């Protein structure tokens, strides 16, 4: 009987060890399944993150390209605007030169014709006329230029402008012919 109880105790111990082993095995299997499921979820999340990253990288590249093209267009527009401003300034400068040459021609006529030399009197008259025009430039008055032309013509007829040597030589010739 002793051997029977011992055998029974041993069998009970074996059953308990087997039950504990089965329970531990099931616990390990559940952990394995949970870990496998978590790994799959992480892999899916990683794949989603990779896809989002690639989309973001592509969007950044597209944005950089658009920004570059906009910068290029802006630079071209800025350059065209500068060219237009330069052209306008050149046009204004050419107009001023033409006006200056016309005025000089009128003064030369009033002082004795196109062959009159540019003496100091001519330079003084041109300086005064230029100063008067500069003062009235804001009004763009053509009346001022016409008035100056009339005064110079009147001065030429009166003999008031007879300071140039060429004009004096012409008058000397006229008086010697008479």
C-alpha atoms as a PDB file:
ATOM      1  CA  UNK A   1       0.000   0.000   0.000  1.00  0.00           C
ATOM      2  CA  UNK A   2       2.755   2.291   0.631  1.00  0.00           C
ATOM      3  CA  UNK A   3       3.904   1.697  -2.864  1.00  0.00           C
ATOM      4  CA  UNK A   4       0.446   2.340  -4.177  1.00  0.00           C
ATOM      5  CA  UNK A   5       0.190   5.696  -2.385  1.00  0.00           C
ATOM      6  CA  UNK A   6       3.590   6.615  -3.556  1.00  0.00           C
ATOM      7  CA  UNK A   7       2.645   5.666  -7.084  1.00  0.00           C
ATOM      8  CA  UNK A   8      -0.557   7.574  -6.816  1.00  0.00           C
ATOM      9  CA  UNK A   9       1.339  10.589  -5.449  1.00  0.00           C
ATOM     10  CA  UNK A  10       3.813  10.258  -8.297  1.00  0.00           C
ATOM     11  CA  UNK A  11       1.006  10.073 -10.854  1.00  0.00           C
ATOM     12  CA  UNK A  12      -0.693  13.049  -9.281  1.00  0.00           C
ATOM     13  CA  UNK A  13       2.591  14.930  -9.492  1.00  0.00           C
ATOM     14  CA  UNK A  14       2.978  13.961 -13.143  1.00  0.00           C
ATOM     15  CA  UNK A  15      -0.555  15.096 -13.930  1.00  0.00           C
ATOM     16  CA  UNK A  16       0.086  18.392 -12.154  1.00  0.00           C
ATOM     17  CA  UNK A  17       3.392  18.884 -14.044  1.00  0.00           C
ATOM     18  CA  UNK A  18       1.678  18.006 -17.319  1.00  0.00           C
ATOM     19  CA  UNK A  19      -1.130  20.464 -16.594  1.00  0.00           C
ATOM     20  CA  UNK A  20       1.372  23.165 -15.698  1.00  0.00           C
ATOM     21  CA  UNK A  21       3.352  22.394 -18.869  1.00  0.00           C
ATOM     22  CA  UNK A  22       0.200  22.546 -21.008  1.00  0.00           C
ATOM     23  CA  UNK A  23      -0.817  25.821 -19.324  1.00  0.00           C
ATOM     24  CA  UNK A  24       2.679  27.277 -19.848  1.00  0.00           C
ATOM     25  CA  UNK A  25       2.695  26.084 -23.441  1.00  0.00           C
ATOM     26  CA  UNK A  26      -0.692  27.728 -24.086  1.00  0.00           C
ATOM     27  CA  UNK A  27       0.495  30.912 -22.385  1.00  0.00           C
ATOM     28  CA  UNK A  28       3.605  30.949 -24.597  1.00  0.00           C
ATOM     29  CA  UNK A  29       1.470  30.274 -27.688  1.00  0.00           C
ATOM     30  CA  UNK A  30      -0.849  33.189 -26.795  1.00  0.00           C
ATOM     31  CA  UNK A  31       2.174  35.452 -26.307  1.00  0.00           C
ATOM     32  CA  UNK A  32       3.586  34.265 -29.643  1.00  0.00           C
ATOM     33  CA  UNK A  33       0.286  34.996 -31.436  1.00  0.00           C
ATOM     34  CA  UNK A  34       0.046  38.398 -29.756  1.00  0.00           C
ATOM     35  CA  UNK A  35       3.628  39.207 -30.707  1.00  0.00           C
ATOM     36  CA  UNK A  36       3.041  38.043 -34.274  1.00  0.00           C
ATOM     37  CA  UNK A  37      -0.091  40.175 -34.511  1.00  0.00           C
ATOM     38  CA  UNK A  38       1.775  43.196 -33.102  1.00  0.00           C
ATOM     39  CA  UNK A  39       4.623  42.641 -35.556  1.00  0.00           C
ATOM     40  CA  UNK A  40       2.136  42.545 -38.455  1.00  0.00           C
ATOM     41  CA  UNK A  41       0.465  45.727 -37.228  1.00  0.00           C
ATOM     42  CA  UNK A  42       3.836  47.433 -36.885  1.00  0.00           C
ATOM     43  CA  UNK A  43       4.818  46.266 -40.379  1.00  0.00           C
ATOM     44  CA  UNK A  44       1.567  47.711 -41.774  1.00  0.00           C
ATOM     45  CA  UNK A  45       2.153  50.968 -39.872  1.00  0.00           C
ATOM     46  CA  UNK A  46       5.714  51.048 -41.171  1.00  0.00           C
ATOM     47  CA  UNK A  47       4.514  50.490 -44.733  1.00  0.00           C
ATOM     48  CA  UNK A  48       1.926  53.257 -44.323  1.00  0.00           C
ATOM     49  CA  UNK A  49       4.589  55.580 -42.908  1.00  0.00           C
ATOM     50  CA  UNK A  50       6.918  54.789 -45.829  1.00  0.00           C
ATOM     51  CA  UNK A  51       4.151  55.559 -48.305  1.00  0.00           C
ATOM     52  CA  UNK A  52       3.362  58.844 -46.523  1.00  0.00           C
ATOM     53  CA  UNK A  53       7.056  59.719 -46.467  1.00  0.00           C
ATOM     54  CA  UNK A  54       7.407  59.064 -50.203  1.00  0.00           C
ATOM     55  CA  UNK A  55       4.335  61.195 -50.891  1.00  0.00           C
ATOM     56  CA  UNK A  56       5.783  63.987 -48.717  1.00  0.00           C
ATOM     57  CA  UNK A  57       9.158  63.771 -50.488  1.00  0.00           C
ATOM     58  CA  UNK A  58       7.461  63.930 -53.888  1.00  0.00           C
ATOM     59  CA  UNK A  59       5.318  66.860 -52.773  1.00  0.00           C
ATOM     60  CA  UNK A  60       8.416  68.645 -51.487  1.00  0.00           C
ATOM     61  CA  UNK A  61      10.154  68.085 -54.835  1.00  0.00           C
ATOM     62  CA  UNK A  62       7.138  69.402 -56.717  1.00  0.00           C
ATOM     63  CA  UNK A  63       6.975  72.407 -54.393  1.00  0.00           C
ATOM     64  CA  UNK A  64      10.676  73.127 -54.861  1.00  0.00           C
ATOM     65  CA  UNK A  65      10.249  72.895 -58.627  1.00  0.00           C
ATOM     66  CA  UNK A  66       7.263  75.252 -58.547  1.00  0.00           C
ATOM     67  CA  UNK A  67       9.156  77.653 -56.305  1.00  0.00           C
ATOM     68  CA  UNK A  68      12.132  77.562 -58.645  1.00  0.00           C
ATOM     69  CA  UNK A  69       9.969  78.252 -61.678  1.00  0.00           C
ATOM     70  CA  UNK A  70       8.195  81.081 -59.838  1.00  0.00           C
ATOM     71  CA  UNK A  71      11.548  82.576 -58.851  1.00  0.00           C
ATOM     72  CA  UNK A  72      12.676  82.354 -62.470  1.00  0.00           C
ATOM     73  CA  UNK A  73       9.472  84.001 -63.690  1.00  0.00           C
ATOM     74  CA  UNK A  74       9.806  86.707 -61.026  1.00  0.00           C
ATOM     75  CA  UNK A  75      13.425  87.373 -62.073  1.00  0.00           C
ATOM     76  CA  UNK A  76      12.364  87.573 -65.736  1.00  0.00           C
ATOM     77  CA  UNK A  77       9.509  89.942 -64.913  1.00  0.00           C
ATOM     78  CA  UNK A  78      11.814  92.086 -62.808  1.00  0.00           C
ATOM     79  CA  UNK A  79      14.368  92.203 -65.630  1.00  0.00           C
ATOM     80  CA  UNK A  80      11.667  93.128 -68.161  1.00  0.00           C
ATOM     81  CA  UNK A  81      10.411  95.877 -65.854  1.00  0.00           C
ATOM     82  CA  UNK A  82      13.943  97.247 -65.508  1.00  0.00           C
ATOM     83  CA  UNK A  83      14.334  97.221 -69.300  1.00  0.00           C
ATOM     84  CA  UNK A  84      11.036  99.074 -69.687  1.00  0.00           C
ATOM     85  CA  UNK A  85      12.159 101.650 -67.124  1.00  0.00           C
ATOM     86  CA  UNK A  86      15.506 102.059 -68.900  1.00  0.00           C
ATOM     87  CA  UNK A  87      13.745 102.414 -72.263  1.00  0.00           C
ATOM     88  CA  UNK A  88      11.413 105.066 -70.801  1.00  0.00           C
ATOM     89  CA  UNK A  89      14.372 106.943 -69.330  1.00  0.00           C
ATOM     90  CA  UNK A  90      16.228 106.763 -72.647  1.00  0.00           C
ATOM     91  CA  UNK A  91      13.156 108.031 -74.484  1.00  0.00           C
ATOM     92  CA  UNK A  92      12.838 110.947 -72.046  1.00  0.00           C
ATOM     93  CA  UNK A  93      16.546 111.721 -72.384  1.00  0.00           C
ATOM     94  CA  UNK A  94      16.312 111.666 -76.204  1.00  0.00           C
ATOM     95  CA  UNK A  95      13.281 113.984 -76.090  1.00  0.00           C
ATOM     96  CA  UNK A  96      15.183 116.405 -73.856  1.00  0.00           C
ATOM     97  CA  UNK A  97      18.197 116.333 -76.215  1.00  0.00           C
ATOM     98  CA  UNK A  98      15.950 117.017 -79.216  1.00  0.00           C
ATOM     99  CA  UNK A  99      14.333 119.924 -77.391  1.00  0.00           C
ATOM    100  CA  UNK A 100      17.753 121.244 -76.410  1.00  0.00           C
ATOM    101  CA  UNK A 101      19.022 121.010 -80.008  1.00  0.00           C
ATOM    102  CA  UNK A 102      15.897 122.751 -81.317  1.00  0.00           C
ATOM    103  CA  UNK A 103      16.316 125.524 -78.782  1.00  0.00           C
ATOM    104  CA  UNK A 104      19.978 125.861 -79.653  1.00  0.00           C
ATOM    105  CA  UNK A 105      19.081 126.117 -83.340  1.00  0.00           C
ATOM    106  CA  UNK A 106      16.538 128.859 -82.597  1.00  0.00           C
ATOM    107  CA  UNK A 107      19.088 130.790 -80.531  1.00  0.00           C
ATOM    108  CA  UNK A 108      21.708 130.395 -83.280  1.00  0.00           C
ATOM    109  CA  UNK A 109      19.193 131.794 -85.800  1.00  0.00           C
ATOM    110  CA  UNK A 110      18.442 134.714 -83.526  1.00  0.00           C
ATOM    111  CA  UNK A 111      22.154 135.416 -83.050  1.00  0.00           C
ATOM    112  CA  UNK A 112      22.943 135.558 -86.729  1.00  0.00           C
ATOM    113  CA  UNK A 113      22.186 132.316 -88.485  1.00  0.00           C
ATOM    114  CA  UNK A 114      23.459 128.760 -88.391  1.00  0.00           C
ATOM    115  CA  UNK A 115      27.035 129.882 -89.125  1.00  0.00           C
ATOM    116  CA  UNK A 116      27.273 131.968 -85.979  1.00  0.00           C
ATOM    117  CA  UNK A 117      30.124 130.886 -83.753  1.00  0.00           C
ATOM    118  CA  UNK A 118      29.596 129.803 -80.219  1.00  0.00           C
ATOM    119  CA  UNK A 119      31.142 132.662 -78.355  1.00  0.00           C
ATOM    120  CA  UNK A 120      30.762 133.523 -74.683  1.00  0.00           C
ATOM    121  CA  UNK A 121      27.673 135.650 -75.351  1.00  0.00           C
ATOM    122  CA  UNK A 122      25.924 132.680 -76.981  1.00  0.00           C
ATOM    123  CA  UNK A 123      26.886 130.461 -74.060  1.00  0.00           C
ATOM    124  CA  UNK A 124      25.525 132.983 -71.566  1.00  0.00           C
ATOM    125  CA  UNK A 125      22.228 133.261 -73.481  1.00  0.00           C
ATOM    126  CA  UNK A 126      21.913 129.465 -73.639  1.00  0.00           C
ATOM    127  CA  UNK A 127      22.666 129.186 -69.910  1.00  0.00           C
ATOM    128  CA  UNK A 128      19.961 131.720 -69.042  1.00  0.00           C
ATOM    129  CA  UNK A 129      17.458 129.992 -71.321  1.00  0.00           C
ATOM    130  CA  UNK A 130      18.325 126.586 -69.820  1.00  0.00           C
ATOM    131  CA  UNK A 131      17.858 127.951 -66.306  1.00  0.00           C
ATOM    132  CA  UNK A 132      14.470 129.457 -67.223  1.00  0.00           C
ATOM    133  CA  UNK A 133      13.376 126.176 -68.816  1.00  0.00           C
ATOM    134  CA  UNK A 134      14.570 124.180 -65.788  1.00  0.00           C
ATOM    135  CA  UNK A 135      12.505 126.421 -63.518  1.00  0.00           C
ATOM    136  CA  UNK A 136       9.390 126.006 -65.621  1.00  0.00           C
ATOM    137  CA  UNK A 137       9.953 122.343 -66.484  1.00  0.00           C
ATOM    138  CA  UNK A 138       7.305 121.145 -64.024  1.00  0.00           C
ATOM    139  CA  UNK A 139       4.622 123.038 -65.945  1.00  0.00           C
ATOM    140  CA  UNK A 140       5.836 121.847 -69.379  1.00  0.00           C
ATOM    141  CA  UNK A 141       5.018 125.286 -70.740  1.00  0.00           C
ATOM    142  CA  UNK A 142       5.500 125.685 -74.480  1.00  0.00           C
ATOM    143  CA  UNK A 143       4.461 129.325 -74.015  1.00  0.00           C
ATOM    144  CA  UNK A 144       7.712 130.006 -72.162  1.00  0.00           C
ATOM    145  CA  UNK A 145       9.783 128.669 -75.060  1.00  0.00           C
ATOM    146  CA  UNK A 146       7.740 130.709 -77.549  1.00  0.00           C
ATOM    147  CA  UNK A 147       8.179 133.837 -75.408  1.00  0.00           C
ATOM    148  CA  UNK A 148      11.948 133.308 -75.213  1.00  0.00           C
ATOM    149  CA  UNK A 149      12.071 132.827 -78.981  1.00  0.00           C
ATOM    150  CA  UNK A 150      10.128 136.052 -79.547  1.00  0.00           C
ATOM    151  CA  UNK A 151      12.365 138.021 -77.160  1.00  0.00           C
ATOM    152  CA  UNK A 152      15.512 136.698 -78.843  1.00  0.00           C
ATOM    153  CA  UNK A 153      14.145 137.574 -82.264  1.00  0.00           C
ATOM    154  CA  UNK A 154      13.238 141.053 -81.043  1.00  0.00           C
ATOM    155  CA  UNK A 155      16.692 141.463 -79.514  1.00  0.00           C
ATOM    156  CA  UNK A 156      18.296 140.339 -82.780  1.00  0.00           C
ATOM    157  CA  UNK A 157      16.266 142.866 -84.755  1.00  0.00           C
ATOM    158  CA  UNK A 158      17.059 145.679 -82.284  1.00  0.00           C
ATOM    159  CA  UNK A 159      20.755 144.893 -82.453  1.00  0.00           C
ATOM    160  CA  UNK A 160      20.937 144.101 -78.752  1.00  0.00           C
ATOM    161  CA  UNK A 161      22.407 140.674 -79.462  1.00  0.00           C
ATOM    162  CA  UNK A 162      25.191 141.996 -81.663  1.00  0.00           C
ATOM    163  CA  UNK A 163      27.921 140.777 -79.347  1.00  0.00           C
ATOM    164  CA  UNK A 164      29.195 137.973 -81.561  1.00  0.00           C
ATOM    165  CA  UNK A 165      32.189 138.752 -83.820  1.00  0.00           C
ATOM    166  CA  UNK A 166      30.433 137.171 -86.812  1.00  0.00           C
ATOM    167  CA  UNK A 167      27.418 139.437 -86.469  1.00  0.00           C
ATOM    168  CA  UNK A 168      29.686 142.474 -86.064  1.00  0.00           C
ATOM    169  CA  UNK A 169      31.608 141.455 -89.202  1.00  0.00           C
ATOM    170  CA  UNK A 170      28.351 141.161 -91.178  1.00  0.00           C
ATOM    171  CA  UNK A 171      27.230 144.609 -90.051  1.00  0.00           C
ATOM    172  CA  UNK A 172      30.636 146.024 -90.978  1.00  0.00           C
ATOM    173  CA  UNK A 173      30.229 144.532 -94.461  1.00  0.00           C
ATOM    174  CA  UNK A 174      26.724 145.975 -94.821  1.00  0.00           C
ATOM    175  CA  UNK A 175      27.849 149.421 -93.755  1.00  0.00           C
ATOM    176  CA  UNK A 176      30.872 149.349 -96.094  1.00  0.00           C
ATOM    177  CA  UNK A 177      28.649 148.360 -99.027  1.00  0.00           C
ATOM    178  CA  UNK A 178      26.342 151.295 -98.429  1.00  0.00           C
END
